[in-house]
Amino acid sequence: MMYGSRFFGPGGCFGGGFYGGWHFMMFGVVALVLIVIAVIVWTKKKHSVSTDSVSLNILKENFAKGLISEEEYLSRKNVLTRK
């Protein structure tokens, strides 16, 4: 008997054995953790880009107003754009 109690019954594929409900719960936990990590990475990346662009804009404005020299501008720009 190929589809006896072992296939659908206790311990079988569809009966709550190895493929019971816990693997669905673990899949959900792993998916949730991956989503949280993706959101954290995305927000940090977005925040650092916006901070860098604000700093560069201020630096460009100071250079355009003549408050800093070209050498100082290039030096500070190098520091800000380094990763």
PDB file of N, CA and C in Angstrom:
ATOM      1  N   MET A   1       0.845  -1.157   0.000  1.00  0.00           N
ATOM      2  CA  MET A   1       0.000   0.000   0.000  1.00  0.00           C
ATOM      3  C   MET A   1       0.904   1.239   0.000  1.00  0.00           C
ATOM      4  N   MET A   2       0.872   1.962  -1.089  1.00  0.00           N
ATOM      5  CA  MET A   2       1.775   3.071  -1.279  1.00  0.00           C
ATOM      6  C   MET A   2       1.339   4.315  -0.497  1.00  0.00           C
ATOM      7  N   TYR A   3       0.064   4.585  -0.430  1.00  0.00           N
ATOM      8  CA  TYR A   3      -0.432   5.777   0.244  1.00  0.00           C
ATOM      9  C   TYR A   3      -1.117   5.410   1.558  1.00  0.00           C
ATOM     10  N   GLY A   4      -0.411   4.726   2.386  1.00  0.00           N
ATOM     11  CA  GLY A   4      -0.964   4.319   3.675  1.00  0.00           C
ATOM     12  C   GLY A   4      -0.853   5.432   4.696  1.00  0.00           C
ATOM     13  N   SER A   5      -0.854   5.058   5.933  1.00  0.00           N
ATOM     14  CA  SER A   5      -0.834   6.037   7.010  1.00  0.00           C
ATOM     15  C   SER A   5       0.494   6.804   7.055  1.00  0.00           C
ATOM     16  N   ARG A   6       1.519   6.280   6.433  1.00  0.00           N
ATOM     17  CA  ARG A   6       2.811   6.945   6.457  1.00  0.00           C
ATOM     18  C   ARG A   6       2.841   8.155   5.532  1.00  0.00           C
ATOM     19  N   PHE A   7       2.035   8.167   4.487  1.00  0.00           N
ATOM     20  CA  PHE A   7       2.063   9.291   3.552  1.00  0.00           C
ATOM     21  C   PHE A   7       1.195  10.448   4.045  1.00  0.00           C
ATOM     22  N   PHE A   8      -0.019  10.146   4.461  1.00  0.00           N
ATOM     23  CA  PHE A   8      -0.928  11.188   4.921  1.00  0.00           C
ATOM     24  C   PHE A   8      -1.081  11.202   6.437  1.00  0.00           C
ATOM     25  N   GLY A   9      -0.678  10.160   7.099  1.00  0.00           N
ATOM     26  CA  GLY A   9      -0.890  10.046   8.542  1.00  0.00           C
ATOM     27  C   GLY A   9       0.249  10.629   9.351  1.00  0.00           C
ATOM     28  N   PRO A  10       0.352  10.227  10.596  1.00  0.00           N
ATOM     29  CA  PRO A  10       1.391  10.756  11.482  1.00  0.00           C
ATOM     30  C   PRO A  10       2.784  10.462  10.945  1.00  0.00           C
ATOM     31  N   GLY A  11       3.606  11.484  10.861  1.00  0.00           N
ATOM     32  CA  GLY A  11       4.977  11.299  10.413  1.00  0.00           C
ATOM     33  C   GLY A  11       5.131  11.332   8.914  1.00  0.00           C
ATOM     34  N   GLY A  12       4.077  11.421   8.174  1.00  0.00           N
ATOM     35  CA  GLY A  12       4.160  11.446   6.718  1.00  0.00           C
ATOM     36  C   GLY A  12       4.349  12.855   6.192  1.00  0.00           C
ATOM     37  N   CYS A  13       4.415  12.979   4.887  1.00  0.00           N
ATOM     38  CA  CYS A  13       4.651  14.268   4.258  1.00  0.00           C
ATOM     39  C   CYS A  13       3.557  15.275   4.590  1.00  0.00           C
ATOM     40  N   PHE A  14       2.312  14.848   4.577  1.00  0.00           N
ATOM     41  CA  PHE A  14       1.209  15.770   4.785  1.00  0.00           C
ATOM     42  C   PHE A  14       0.566  15.613   6.152  1.00  0.00           C
ATOM     43  N   GLY A  15       1.130  14.788   6.985  1.00  0.00           N
ATOM     44  CA  GLY A  15       0.505  14.505   8.262  1.00  0.00           C
ATOM     45  C   GLY A  15       1.117  15.213   9.442  1.00  0.00           C
ATOM     46  N   GLY A  16       2.007  16.160   9.228  1.00  0.00           N
ATOM     47  CA  GLY A  16       2.579  16.899  10.341  1.00  0.00           C
ATOM     48  C   GLY A  16       3.913  16.370  10.799  1.00  0.00           C
ATOM     49  N   GLY A  17       4.545  15.507  10.033  1.00  0.00           N
ATOM     50  CA  GLY A  17       5.854  14.987  10.398  1.00  0.00           C
ATOM     51  C   GLY A  17       6.929  16.019  10.116  1.00  0.00           C
ATOM     52  N   PHE A  18       7.929  15.645   9.358  1.00  0.00           N
ATOM     53  CA  PHE A  18       9.028  16.552   9.042  1.00  0.00           C
ATOM     54  C   PHE A  18       8.530  17.804   8.320  1.00  0.00           C
ATOM     55  N   TYR A  19       7.549  17.633   7.477  1.00  0.00           N
ATOM     56  CA  TYR A  19       7.006  18.780   6.750  1.00  0.00           C
ATOM     57  C   TYR A  19       5.763  19.335   7.437  1.00  0.00           C
ATOM     58  N   GLY A  20       5.775  19.376   8.713  1.00  0.00           N
ATOM     59  CA  GLY A  20       4.643  19.887   9.476  1.00  0.00           C
ATOM     60  C   GLY A  20       4.588  21.405   9.425  1.00  0.00           C
ATOM     61  N   GLY A  21       3.937  21.993  10.378  1.00  0.00           N
ATOM     62  CA  GLY A  21       3.727  23.426  10.357  1.00  0.00           C
ATOM     63  C   GLY A  21       4.933  24.264  10.720  1.00  0.00           C
ATOM     64  N   TRP A  22       5.925  23.713  11.406  1.00  0.00           N
ATOM     65  CA  TRP A  22       7.055  24.519  11.866  1.00  0.00           C
ATOM     66  C   TRP A  22       7.874  25.073  10.731  1.00  0.00           C
ATOM     67  N   HIS A  23       7.971  24.364   9.609  1.00  0.00           N
ATOM     68  CA  HIS A  23       8.795  24.882   8.518  1.00  0.00           C
ATOM     69  C   HIS A  23       8.143  26.100   7.876  1.00  0.00           C
ATOM     70  N   PHE A  24       6.811  26.178   7.884  1.00  0.00           N
ATOM     71  CA  PHE A  24       6.144  27.373   7.381  1.00  0.00           C
ATOM     72  C   PHE A  24       6.412  28.557   8.310  1.00  0.00           C
ATOM     73  N   MET A  25       6.427  28.295   9.604  1.00  0.00           N
ATOM     74  CA  MET A  25       6.716  29.343  10.567  1.00  0.00           C
ATOM     75  C   MET A  25       8.167  29.821  10.403  1.00  0.00           C
ATOM     76  N   MET A  26       9.107  28.923  10.223  1.00  0.00           N
ATOM     77  CA  MET A  26      10.508  29.302  10.035  1.00  0.00           C
ATOM     78  C   MET A  26      10.685  30.097   8.748  1.00  0.00           C
ATOM     79  N   PHE A  27       9.976  29.726   7.703  1.00  0.00           N
ATOM     80  CA  PHE A  27      10.031  30.479   6.454  1.00  0.00           C
ATOM     81  C   PHE A  27       9.554  31.905   6.688  1.00  0.00           C
ATOM     82  N   GLY A  28       8.493  32.065   7.459  1.00  0.00           N
ATOM     83  CA  GLY A  28       7.975  33.397   7.770  1.00  0.00           C
ATOM     84  C   GLY A  28       8.954  34.215   8.584  1.00  0.00           C
ATOM     85  N   VAL A  29       9.602  33.588   9.557  1.00  0.00           N
ATOM     86  CA  VAL A  29      10.575  34.286  10.391  1.00  0.00           C
ATOM     87  C   VAL A  29      11.776  34.727   9.549  1.00  0.00           C
ATOM     88  N   VAL A  30      12.262  33.852   8.705  1.00  0.00           N
ATOM     89  CA  VAL A  30      13.399  34.184   7.841  1.00  0.00           C
ATOM     90  C   VAL A  30      13.014  35.307   6.885  1.00  0.00           C
ATOM     91  N   ALA A  31      11.832  35.238   6.302  1.00  0.00           N
ATOM     92  CA  ALA A  31      11.376  36.294   5.400  1.00  0.00           C
ATOM     93  C   ALA A  31      11.267  37.624   6.135  1.00  0.00           C
ATOM     94  N   LEU A  32      10.743  37.616   7.340  1.00  0.00           N
ATOM     95  CA  LEU A  32      10.618  38.842   8.127  1.00  0.00           C
ATOM     96  C   LEU A  32      11.983  39.434   8.456  1.00  0.00           C
ATOM     97  N   VAL A  33      12.925  38.596   8.840  1.00  0.00           N
ATOM     98  CA  VAL A  33      14.277  39.067   9.152  1.00  0.00           C
ATOM     99  C   VAL A  33      14.924  39.680   7.912  1.00  0.00           C
ATOM    100  N   LEU A  34      14.769  39.050   6.754  1.00  0.00           N
ATOM    101  CA  LEU A  34      15.334  39.592   5.518  1.00  0.00           C
ATOM    102  C   LEU A  34      14.711  40.924   5.149  1.00  0.00           C
ATOM    103  N   ILE A  35      13.420  41.066   5.360  1.00  0.00           N
ATOM    104  CA  ILE A  35      12.751  42.340   5.074  1.00  0.00           C
ATOM    105  C   ILE A  35      13.267  43.431   6.003  1.00  0.00           C
ATOM    106  N   VAL A  36      13.424  43.122   7.280  1.00  0.00           N
ATOM    107  CA  VAL A  36      13.924  44.110   8.243  1.00  0.00           C
ATOM    108  C   VAL A  36      15.348  44.530   7.879  1.00  0.00           C
ATOM    109  N   ILE A  37      16.191  43.573   7.518  1.00  0.00           N
ATOM    110  CA  ILE A  37      17.566  43.891   7.126  1.00  0.00           C
ATOM    111  C   ILE A  37      17.575  44.772   5.875  1.00  0.00           C
ATOM    112  N   ALA A  38      16.740  44.445   4.897  1.00  0.00           N
ATOM    113  CA  ALA A  38      16.678  45.246   3.675  1.00  0.00           C
ATOM    114  C   ALA A  38      16.241  46.680   3.964  1.00  0.00           C
ATOM    115  N   VAL A  39      15.269  46.852   4.834  1.00  0.00           N
ATOM    116  CA  VAL A  39      14.802  48.201   5.184  1.00  0.00           C
ATOM    117  C   VAL A  39      15.900  48.982   5.905  1.00  0.00           C
ATOM    118  N   ILE A  40      16.613  48.343   6.812  1.00  0.00           N
ATOM    119  CA  ILE A  40      17.695  49.013   7.540  1.00  0.00           C
ATOM    120  C   ILE A  40      18.795  49.448   6.580  1.00  0.00           C
ATOM    121  N   VAL A  41      19.207  48.558   5.685  1.00  0.00           N
ATOM    122  CA  VAL A  41      20.257  48.888   4.721  1.00  0.00           C
ATOM    123  C   VAL A  41      19.798  50.015   3.805  1.00  0.00           C
ATOM    124  N   TRP A  42      18.558  49.958   3.351  1.00  0.00           N
ATOM    125  CA  TRP A  42      18.029  50.969   2.438  1.00  0.00           C
ATOM    126  C   TRP A  42      17.984  52.338   3.100  1.00  0.00           C
ATOM    127  N   THR A  43      17.523  52.392   4.349  1.00  0.00           N
ATOM    128  CA  THR A  43      17.423  53.683   5.021  1.00  0.00           C
ATOM    129  C   THR A  43      18.802  54.259   5.343  1.00  0.00           C
ATOM    130  N   LYS A  44      19.753  53.421   5.730  1.00  0.00           N
ATOM    131  CA  LYS A  44      21.102  53.912   5.998  1.00  0.00           C
ATOM    132  C   LYS A  44      21.741  54.450   4.728  1.00  0.00           C
ATOM    133  N   LYS A  45      21.559  53.729   3.639  1.00  0.00           N
ATOM    134  CA  LYS A  45      22.126  54.155   2.362  1.00  0.00           C
ATOM    135  C   LYS A  45      21.490  55.466   1.916  1.00  0.00           C
ATOM    136  N   LYS A  46      20.180  55.577   2.045  1.00  0.00           N
ATOM    137  CA  LYS A  46      19.480  56.790   1.645  1.00  0.00           C
ATOM    138  C   LYS A  46      19.908  57.967   2.513  1.00  0.00           C
ATOM    139  N   HIS A  47      20.062  57.735   3.804  1.00  0.00           N
ATOM    140  CA  HIS A  47      20.461  58.794   4.720  1.00  0.00           C
ATOM    141  C   HIS A  47      21.879  59.272   4.413  1.00  0.00           C
ATOM    142  N   SER A  48      22.802  58.358   4.148  1.00  0.00           N
ATOM    143  CA  SER A  48      24.182  58.758   3.876  1.00  0.00           C
ATOM    144  C   SER A  48      24.282  59.512   2.565  1.00  0.00           C
ATOM    145  N   VAL A  49      23.499  59.124   1.570  1.00  0.00           N
ATOM    146  CA  VAL A  49      23.521  59.831   0.294  1.00  0.00           C
ATOM    147  C   VAL A  49      22.995  61.246   0.467  1.00  0.00           C
ATOM    148  N   SER A  50      21.902  61.410   1.198  1.00  0.00           N
ATOM    149  CA  SER A  50      21.347  62.747   1.385  1.00  0.00           C
ATOM    150  C   SER A  50      22.285  63.624   2.200  1.00  0.00           C
ATOM    151  N   THR A  51      22.955  63.076   3.196  1.00  0.00           N
ATOM    152  CA  THR A  51      23.905  63.842   3.998  1.00  0.00           C
ATOM    153  C   THR A  51      25.081  64.284   3.145  1.00  0.00           C
ATOM    154  N   ASP A  52      25.583  63.378   2.309  1.00  0.00           N
ATOM    155  CA  ASP A  52      26.701  63.717   1.440  1.00  0.00           C
ATOM    156  C   ASP A  52      26.314  64.812   0.454  1.00  0.00           C
ATOM    157  N   SER A  53      25.130  64.716  -0.122  1.00  0.00           N
ATOM    158  CA  SER A  53      24.734  65.713  -1.112  1.00  0.00           C
ATOM    159  C   SER A  53      24.533  67.076  -0.463  1.00  0.00           C
ATOM    160  N   VAL A  54      24.015  67.127   0.758  1.00  0.00           N
ATOM    161  CA  VAL A  54      23.855  68.399   1.465  1.00  0.00           C
ATOM    162  C   VAL A  54      25.230  69.007   1.741  1.00  0.00           C
ATOM    163  N   SER A  55      26.158  68.202   2.194  1.00  0.00           N
ATOM    164  CA  SER A  55      27.504  68.694   2.482  1.00  0.00           C
ATOM    165  C   SER A  55      28.187  69.205   1.222  1.00  0.00           C
ATOM    166  N   LEU A  56      28.034  68.487   0.127  1.00  0.00           N
ATOM    167  CA  LEU A  56      28.633  68.919  -1.137  1.00  0.00           C
ATOM    168  C   LEU A  56      27.989  70.209  -1.626  1.00  0.00           C
ATOM    169  N   ASN A  57      26.695  70.357  -1.455  1.00  0.00           N
ATOM    170  CA  ASN A  57      26.024  71.585  -1.878  1.00  0.00           C
ATOM    171  C   ASN A  57      26.523  72.790  -1.083  1.00  0.00           C
ATOM    172  N   ILE A  58      26.703  72.608   0.215  1.00  0.00           N
ATOM    173  CA  ILE A  58      27.235  73.694   1.046  1.00  0.00           C
ATOM    174  C   ILE A  58      28.656  74.045   0.604  1.00  0.00           C
ATOM    175  N   LEU A  59      29.448  73.013   0.325  1.00  0.00           N
ATOM    176  CA  LEU A  59      30.821  73.239  -0.127  1.00  0.00           C
ATOM    177  C   LEU A  59      30.838  73.995  -1.454  1.00  0.00           C
ATOM    178  N   LYS A  60      29.956  73.613  -2.380  1.00  0.00           N
ATOM    179  CA  LYS A  60      29.878  74.304  -3.679  1.00  0.00           C
ATOM    180  C   LYS A  60      29.462  75.760  -3.503  1.00  0.00           C
ATOM    181  N   GLU A  61      28.512  75.992  -2.607  1.00  0.00           N
ATOM    182  CA  GLU A  61      28.071  77.364  -2.353  1.00  0.00           C
ATOM    183  C   GLU A  61      29.195  78.208  -1.773  1.00  0.00           C
ATOM    184  N   ASN A  62      29.945  77.648  -0.831  1.00  0.00           N
ATOM    185  CA  ASN A  62      31.066  78.382  -0.243  1.00  0.00           C
ATOM    186  C   ASN A  62      32.126  78.704  -1.290  1.00  0.00           C
ATOM    187  N   PHE A  63      32.368  77.767  -2.198  1.00  0.00           N
ATOM    188  CA  PHE A  63      33.332  78.013  -3.273  1.00  0.00           C
ATOM    189  C   PHE A  63      32.811  79.071  -4.238  1.00  0.00           C
ATOM    190  N   ALA A  64      31.532  79.004  -4.574  1.00  0.00           N
ATOM    191  CA  ALA A  64      30.940  79.975  -5.497  1.00  0.00           C
ATOM    192  C   ALA A  64      30.937  81.384  -4.891  1.00  0.00           C
ATOM    193  N   LYS A  65      30.754  81.478  -3.583  1.00  0.00           N
ATOM    194  CA  LYS A  65      30.759  82.787  -2.913  1.00  0.00           C
ATOM    195  C   LYS A  65      32.173  83.324  -2.714  1.00  0.00           C
ATOM    196  N   GLY A  66      33.170  82.486  -2.951  1.00  0.00           N
ATOM    197  CA  GLY A  66      34.555  82.922  -2.790  1.00  0.00           C
ATOM    198  C   GLY A  66      35.054  82.811  -1.365  1.00  0.00           C
ATOM    199  N   LEU A  67      34.358  82.058  -0.545  1.00  0.00           N
ATOM    200  CA  LEU A  67      34.766  81.906   0.855  1.00  0.00           C
ATOM    201  C   LEU A  67      35.936  80.941   1.023  1.00  0.00           C
ATOM    202  N   ILE A  68      36.112  80.033   0.070  1.00  0.00           N
ATOM    203  CA  ILE A  68      37.219  79.073   0.114  1.00  0.00           C
ATOM    204  C   ILE A  68      37.915  79.065  -1.243  1.00  0.00           C
ATOM    205  N   SER A  69      39.188  78.690  -1.246  1.00  0.00           N
ATOM    206  CA  SER A  69      39.956  78.647  -2.492  1.00  0.00           C
ATOM    207  C   SER A  69      39.655  77.355  -3.259  1.00  0.00           C
ATOM    208  N   GLU A  70      40.144  77.314  -4.485  1.00  0.00           N
ATOM    209  CA  GLU A  70      39.926  76.122  -5.321  1.00  0.00           C
ATOM    210  C   GLU A  70      40.627  74.904  -4.723  1.00  0.00           C
ATOM    211  N   GLU A  71      41.818  75.098  -4.214  1.00  0.00           N
ATOM    212  CA  GLU A  71      42.556  73.981  -3.613  1.00  0.00           C
ATOM    213  C   GLU A  71      41.819  73.428  -2.391  1.00  0.00           C
ATOM    214  N   GLU A  72      41.310  74.341  -1.573  1.00  0.00           N
ATOM    215  CA  GLU A  72      40.568  73.914  -0.389  1.00  0.00           C
ATOM    216  C   GLU A  72      39.271  73.202  -0.794  1.00  0.00           C
ATOM    217  N   TYR A  73      38.614  73.749  -1.835  1.00  0.00           N
ATOM    218  CA  TYR A  73      37.395  73.117  -2.338  1.00  0.00           C
ATOM    219  C   TYR A  73      37.667  71.690  -2.808  1.00  0.00           C
ATOM    220  N   LEU A  74      38.710  71.519  -3.630  1.00  0.00           N
ATOM    221  CA  LEU A  74      39.031  70.181  -4.150  1.00  0.00           C
ATOM    222  C   LEU A  74      39.445  69.231  -3.034  1.00  0.00           C
ATOM    223  N   SER A  75      40.189  69.743  -2.055  1.00  0.00           N
ATOM    224  CA  SER A  75      40.611  68.909  -0.933  1.00  0.00           C
ATOM    225  C   SER A  75      39.416  68.430  -0.120  1.00  0.00           C
ATOM    226  N   ARG A  76      38.506  69.347   0.211  1.00  0.00           N
ATOM    227  CA  ARG A  76      37.324  68.970   0.993  1.00  0.00           C
ATOM    228  C   ARG A  76      36.388  68.073   0.203  1.00  0.00           C
ATOM    229  N   LYS A  77      36.274  68.340  -1.099  1.00  0.00           N
ATOM    230  CA  LYS A  77      35.429  67.485  -1.955  1.00  0.00           C
ATOM    231  C   LYS A  77      35.961  66.058  -1.976  1.00  0.00           C
ATOM    232  N   ASN A  78      37.279  65.913  -2.052  1.00  0.00           N
ATOM    233  CA  ASN A  78      37.912  64.576  -2.003  1.00  0.00           C
ATOM    234  C   ASN A  78      37.554  63.857  -0.715  1.00  0.00           C
ATOM    235  N   VAL A  79      37.631  64.578   0.387  1.00  0.00           N
ATOM    236  CA  VAL A  79      37.329  63.976   1.701  1.00  0.00           C
ATOM    237  C   VAL A  79      35.855  63.539   1.757  1.00  0.00           C
ATOM    238  N   LEU A  80      34.965  64.387   1.256  1.00  0.00           N
ATOM    239  CA  LEU A  80      33.529  64.075   1.328  1.00  0.00           C
ATOM    240  C   LEU A  80      33.109  62.936   0.403  1.00  0.00           C
ATOM    241  N   THR A  81      33.752  62.817  -0.743  1.00  0.00           N
ATOM    242  CA  THR A  81      33.342  61.787  -1.710  1.00  0.00           C
ATOM    243  C   THR A  81      34.073  60.470  -1.533  1.00  0.00           C
ATOM    244  N   ARG A  82      35.048  60.414  -0.636  1.00  0.00           N
ATOM    245  CA  ARG A  82      35.741  59.155  -0.362  1.00  0.00           C
ATOM    246  C   ARG A  82      34.808  58.173   0.306  1.00  0.00           C
ATOM    247  N   LYS A  83      34.913  56.912  -0.036  1.00  0.00           N
ATOM    248  CA  LYS A  83      34.075  55.866   0.578  1.00  0.00           C
ATOM    249  C   LYS A  83      34.925  54.915   1.365  1.00  0.00           C
TER     250      LYS A  83
END
